PDB file of N, CA and C in Angstrom:
ATOM      1  N   UNK A   1      81.748 -87.727   9.150  1.00  0.00           N
ATOM      2  CA  UNK A   1      80.518 -88.080   8.309  1.00  0.00           C
ATOM      3  C   UNK A   1      79.538 -87.645   9.193  1.00  0.00           C
ATOM      4  N   UNK A   2      79.604 -87.635  10.422  1.00  0.00           N
ATOM      5  CA  UNK A   2      78.762 -87.457  11.402  1.00  0.00           C
ATOM      6  C   UNK A   2      78.202 -85.810  11.373  1.00  0.00           C
ATOM      7  N   UNK A   3      79.254 -85.112  11.154  1.00  0.00           N
ATOM      8  CA  UNK A   3      79.142 -83.635  11.143  1.00  0.00           C
ATOM      9  C   UNK A   3      77.916 -83.388   9.782  1.00  0.00           C
ATOM     10  N   UNK A   4      78.111 -84.105   9.020  1.00  0.00           N
ATOM     11  CA  UNK A   4      77.138 -83.700   7.612  1.00  0.00           C
ATOM     12  C   UNK A   4      75.836 -84.356   7.989  1.00  0.00           C
ATOM     13  N   UNK A   5      75.539 -85.116   8.806  1.00  0.00           N
ATOM     14  CA  UNK A   5      74.290 -85.716   9.290  1.00  0.00           C
ATOM     15  C   UNK A   5      73.609 -84.969  10.256  1.00  0.00           C
ATOM     16  N   UNK A   6      74.364 -84.202  10.673  1.00  0.00           N
ATOM     17  CA  UNK A   6      73.603 -83.137  12.140  1.00  0.00           C
ATOM     18  C   UNK A   6      72.653 -82.252  11.227  1.00  0.00           C
ATOM     19  N   UNK A   7      71.454 -82.242  12.473  1.00  0.00           N
ATOM     20  CA  UNK A   7      70.605 -81.089  12.111  1.00  0.00           C
ATOM     21  C   UNK A   7      71.145 -79.767  11.950  1.00  0.00           C
ATOM     22  N   UNK A   8      70.665 -78.877  11.252  1.00  0.00           N
ATOM     23  CA  UNK A   8      70.995 -77.366  10.922  1.00  0.00           C
ATOM     24  C   UNK A   8      72.351 -77.382  10.552  1.00  0.00           C
ATOM     25  N   UNK A   9      72.920 -78.149   9.329  1.00  0.00           N
ATOM     26  CA  UNK A   9      73.949 -78.118   8.882  1.00  0.00           C
ATOM     27  C   UNK A   9      74.551 -76.928   8.451  1.00  0.00           C
ATOM     28  N   UNK A  10      73.820 -75.763   7.731  1.00  0.00           N
ATOM     29  CA  UNK A  10      74.401 -74.610   7.496  1.00  0.00           C
ATOM     30  C   UNK A  10      74.789 -73.594   8.643  1.00  0.00           C
ATOM     31  N   UNK A  11      73.914 -73.635   9.686  1.00  0.00           N
ATOM     32  CA  UNK A  11      74.424 -73.019  10.932  1.00  0.00           C
ATOM     33  C   UNK A  11      75.609 -73.554  11.513  1.00  0.00           C
ATOM     34  N   UNK A  12      75.574 -74.825  11.595  1.00  0.00           N
ATOM     35  CA  UNK A  12      76.733 -75.367  12.098  1.00  0.00           C
ATOM     36  C   UNK A  12      77.991 -74.915  11.469  1.00  0.00           C
ATOM     37  N   UNK A  13      77.874 -74.905  10.155  1.00  0.00           N
ATOM     38  CA  UNK A  13      79.212 -74.740   9.182  1.00  0.00           C
ATOM     39  C   UNK A  13      79.689 -73.623   9.391  1.00  0.00           C
ATOM     40  N   UNK A  14      78.567 -72.508   9.488  1.00  0.00           N
ATOM     41  CA  UNK A  14      78.679 -71.009   9.458  1.00  0.00           C
ATOM     42  C   UNK A  14      79.339 -70.849  10.987  1.00  0.00           C
ATOM     43  N   UNK A  15      79.007 -71.346  12.031  1.00  0.00           N
ATOM     44  CA  UNK A  15      79.812 -71.227  13.463  1.00  0.00           C
ATOM     45  C   UNK A  15      81.159 -71.639  13.028  1.00  0.00           C
ATOM     46  N   UNK A  16      81.473 -72.766  12.292  1.00  0.00           N
ATOM     47  CA  UNK A  16      82.747 -73.421  12.390  1.00  0.00           C
ATOM     48  C   UNK A  16      83.673 -72.593  11.419  1.00  0.00           C
ATOM     49  N   UNK A  17      83.220 -71.783  10.528  1.00  0.00           N
ATOM     50  CA  UNK A  17      83.898 -70.735   9.637  1.00  0.00           C
ATOM     51  C   UNK A  17      84.335 -69.529  10.605  1.00  0.00           C
ATOM     52  N   UNK A  18      83.327 -69.169  11.349  1.00  0.00           N
ATOM     53  CA  UNK A  18      83.533 -68.046  12.359  1.00  0.00           C
ATOM     54  C   UNK A  18      84.665 -68.424  13.387  1.00  0.00           C
ATOM     55  N   UNK A  19      84.815 -69.686  13.860  1.00  0.00           N
ATOM     56  CA  UNK A  19      85.823 -70.221  14.813  1.00  0.00           C
ATOM     57  C   UNK A  19      87.218 -70.416  14.042  1.00  0.00           C
ATOM     58  N   UNK A  20      87.137 -70.608  12.732  1.00  0.00           N
ATOM     59  CA  UNK A  20      88.293 -70.587  11.907  1.00  0.00           C
ATOM     60  C   UNK A  20      89.178 -69.109  11.587  1.00  0.00           C
ATOM     61  N   UNK A  21      88.439 -68.164  12.034  1.00  0.00           N
ATOM     62  CA  UNK A  21      89.115 -66.754  11.979  1.00  0.00           C
ATOM     63  C   UNK A  21      88.005 -65.825  11.324  1.00  0.00           C
ATOM     64  N   UNK A  22      87.056 -66.120  10.481  1.00  0.00           N
ATOM     65  CA  UNK A  22      86.309 -65.226   9.749  1.00  0.00           C
ATOM     66  C   UNK A  22      85.419 -64.709  10.625  1.00  0.00           C
ATOM     67  N   UNK A  23      85.511 -63.336  11.283  1.00  0.00           N
ATOM     68  CA  UNK A  23      84.840 -62.864  12.197  1.00  0.00           C
ATOM     69  C   UNK A  23      83.831 -61.904  11.700  1.00  0.00           C
ATOM     70  N   UNK A  24      82.638 -61.998  12.221  1.00  0.00           N
ATOM     71  CA  UNK A  24      81.446 -61.256  11.581  1.00  0.00           C
ATOM     72  C   UNK A  24      80.910 -61.628  10.199  1.00  0.00           C
ATOM     73  N   UNK A  25      80.118 -60.784   9.581  1.00  0.00           N
ATOM     74  CA  UNK A  25      79.714 -60.989   8.467  1.00  0.00           C
ATOM     75  C   UNK A  25      79.154 -62.503   8.220  1.00  0.00           C
ATOM     76  N   UNK A  26      78.271 -62.803   9.119  1.00  0.00           N
ATOM     77  CA  UNK A  26      77.646 -64.029   9.062  1.00  0.00           C
ATOM     78  C   UNK A  26      77.226 -64.505   7.954  1.00  0.00           C
ATOM     79  N   UNK A  27      76.331 -63.577   7.169  1.00  0.00           N
ATOM     80  CA  UNK A  27      75.554 -64.138   5.904  1.00  0.00           C
ATOM     81  C   UNK A  27      76.610 -64.127   4.926  1.00  0.00           C
ATOM     82  N   UNK A  28      77.651 -63.258   4.987  1.00  0.00           N
ATOM     83  CA  UNK A  28      78.357 -63.132   3.448  1.00  0.00           C
ATOM     84  C   UNK A  28      79.330 -64.503   3.671  1.00  0.00           C
ATOM     85  N   UNK A  29      79.738 -64.603   4.920  1.00  0.00           N
ATOM     86  CA  UNK A  29      80.711 -65.871   4.915  1.00  0.00           C
ATOM     87  C   UNK A  29      79.914 -67.105   4.616  1.00  0.00           C
ATOM     88  N   UNK A  30      78.604 -67.336   5.127  1.00  0.00           N
ATOM     89  CA  UNK A  30      77.857 -68.436   4.584  1.00  0.00           C
ATOM     90  C   UNK A  30      77.682 -68.671   2.989  1.00  0.00           C
ATOM     91  N   UNK A  31      77.077 -67.440   2.573  1.00  0.00           N
ATOM     92  CA  UNK A  31      77.212 -67.318   0.960  1.00  0.00           C
ATOM     93  C   UNK A  31      78.415 -67.599   0.320  1.00  0.00           C
ATOM     94  N   UNK A  32      79.626 -67.147   0.800  1.00  0.00           N
ATOM     95  CA  UNK A  32      80.652 -67.658   0.088  1.00  0.00           C
ATOM     96  C   UNK A  32      80.932 -68.951   0.206  1.00  0.00           C
ATOM     97  N   UNK A  33      80.757 -69.680   1.439  1.00  0.00           N
ATOM     98  CA  UNK A  33      80.897 -71.002   1.511  1.00  0.00           C
ATOM     99  C   UNK A  33      80.017 -71.957   0.326  1.00  0.00           C
ATOM    100  N   UNK A  34      78.719 -71.348   0.301  1.00  0.00           N
ATOM    101  CA  UNK A  34      77.822 -71.891  -0.698  1.00  0.00           C
ATOM    102  C   UNK A  34      78.067 -71.831  -1.905  1.00  0.00           C
ATOM    103  N   UNK A  35      78.874 -70.459  -2.245  1.00  0.00           N
ATOM    104  CA  UNK A  35      79.158 -70.307  -3.789  1.00  0.00           C
ATOM    105  C   UNK A  35      80.428 -71.344  -3.987  1.00  0.00           C
ATOM    106  N   UNK A  36      81.168 -71.186  -2.955  1.00  0.00           N
ATOM    107  CA  UNK A  36      82.647 -72.053  -3.163  1.00  0.00           C
ATOM    108  C   UNK A  36      82.268 -73.631  -3.586  1.00  0.00           C
ATOM    109  N   UNK A  37      81.325 -74.283  -2.688  1.00  0.00           N
ATOM    110  CA  UNK A  37      81.177 -75.544  -2.792  1.00  0.00           C
ATOM    111  C   UNK A  37      80.227 -75.720  -3.895  1.00  0.00           C
ATOM    112  N   UNK A  38      79.492 -74.853  -4.277  1.00  0.00           N
ATOM    113  CA  UNK A  38      78.882 -74.999  -5.593  1.00  0.00           C
ATOM    114  C   UNK A  38      79.712 -75.221  -6.842  1.00  0.00           C
ATOM    115  N   UNK A  39      80.599 -74.188  -6.693  1.00  0.00           N
ATOM    116  CA  UNK A  39      81.510 -74.367  -7.851  1.00  0.00           C
ATOM    117  C   UNK A  39      82.427 -75.259  -7.749  1.00  0.00           C
ATOM    118  N   UNK A  40      83.002 -75.994  -6.941  1.00  0.00           N
ATOM    119  CA  UNK A  40      83.989 -76.933  -6.718  1.00  0.00           C
ATOM    120  C   UNK A  40      83.178 -78.392  -7.299  1.00  0.00           C
ATOM    121  N   UNK A  41      81.780 -78.328  -6.818  1.00  0.00           N
ATOM    122  CA  UNK A  41      80.771 -79.418  -7.518  1.00  0.00           C
ATOM    123  C   UNK A  41      80.705 -79.434  -8.769  1.00  0.00           C
ATOM    124  N   UNK A  42      80.556 -78.341  -9.249  1.00  0.00           N
ATOM    125  CA  UNK A  42      80.415 -78.055 -10.718  1.00  0.00           C
ATOM    126  C   UNK A  42      81.752 -78.574 -11.649  1.00  0.00           C
ATOM    127  N   UNK A  43      82.787 -78.202 -11.054  1.00  0.00           N
ATOM    128  CA  UNK A  43      84.131 -78.338 -11.614  1.00  0.00           C
ATOM    129  C   UNK A  43      84.210 -80.002 -11.489  1.00  0.00           C
ATOM    130  N   UNK A  44      83.932 -80.647 -10.473  1.00  0.00           N
ATOM    131  CA  UNK A  44      84.179 -82.124 -10.389  1.00  0.00           C
ATOM    132  C   UNK A  44      83.213 -82.808 -11.479  1.00  0.00           C
ATOM    133  N   UNK A  45      82.273 -82.363 -11.756  1.00  0.00           N
ATOM    134  CA  UNK A  45      81.189 -82.859 -12.600  1.00  0.00           C
ATOM    135  C   UNK A  45      81.699 -82.637 -13.885  1.00  0.00           C
ATOM    136  N   UNK A  46      82.443 -81.737 -14.361  1.00  0.00           N
ATOM    137  CA  UNK A  46      83.075 -81.484 -15.792  1.00  0.00           C
ATOM    138  C   UNK A  46      84.165 -82.492 -15.931  1.00  0.00           C
ATOM    139  N   UNK A  47      84.971 -82.771 -15.018  1.00  0.00           N
ATOM    140  CA  UNK A  47      86.114 -83.536 -15.029  1.00  0.00           C
ATOM    141  C   UNK A  47      85.815 -85.088 -14.964  1.00  0.00           C
ATOM    142  N   UNK A  48      84.662 -85.499 -14.495  1.00  0.00           N
ATOM    143  CA  UNK A  48      84.444 -87.113 -14.562  1.00  0.00           C
ATOM    144  C   UNK A  48      83.547 -87.262 -15.589  1.00  0.00           C
TER     145      UNK A  48
END
């Protein structure tokens, strides 16, 4: 929960994606993350 409350959440998330092995493509990997999380959020709303 602390991670989610930190300032500059998107940049920190992007850094962590890079550390996980997705090298380069900083803009594309962040866009991919936002699309994925939006899609999952919409799916959860449909099932509840």
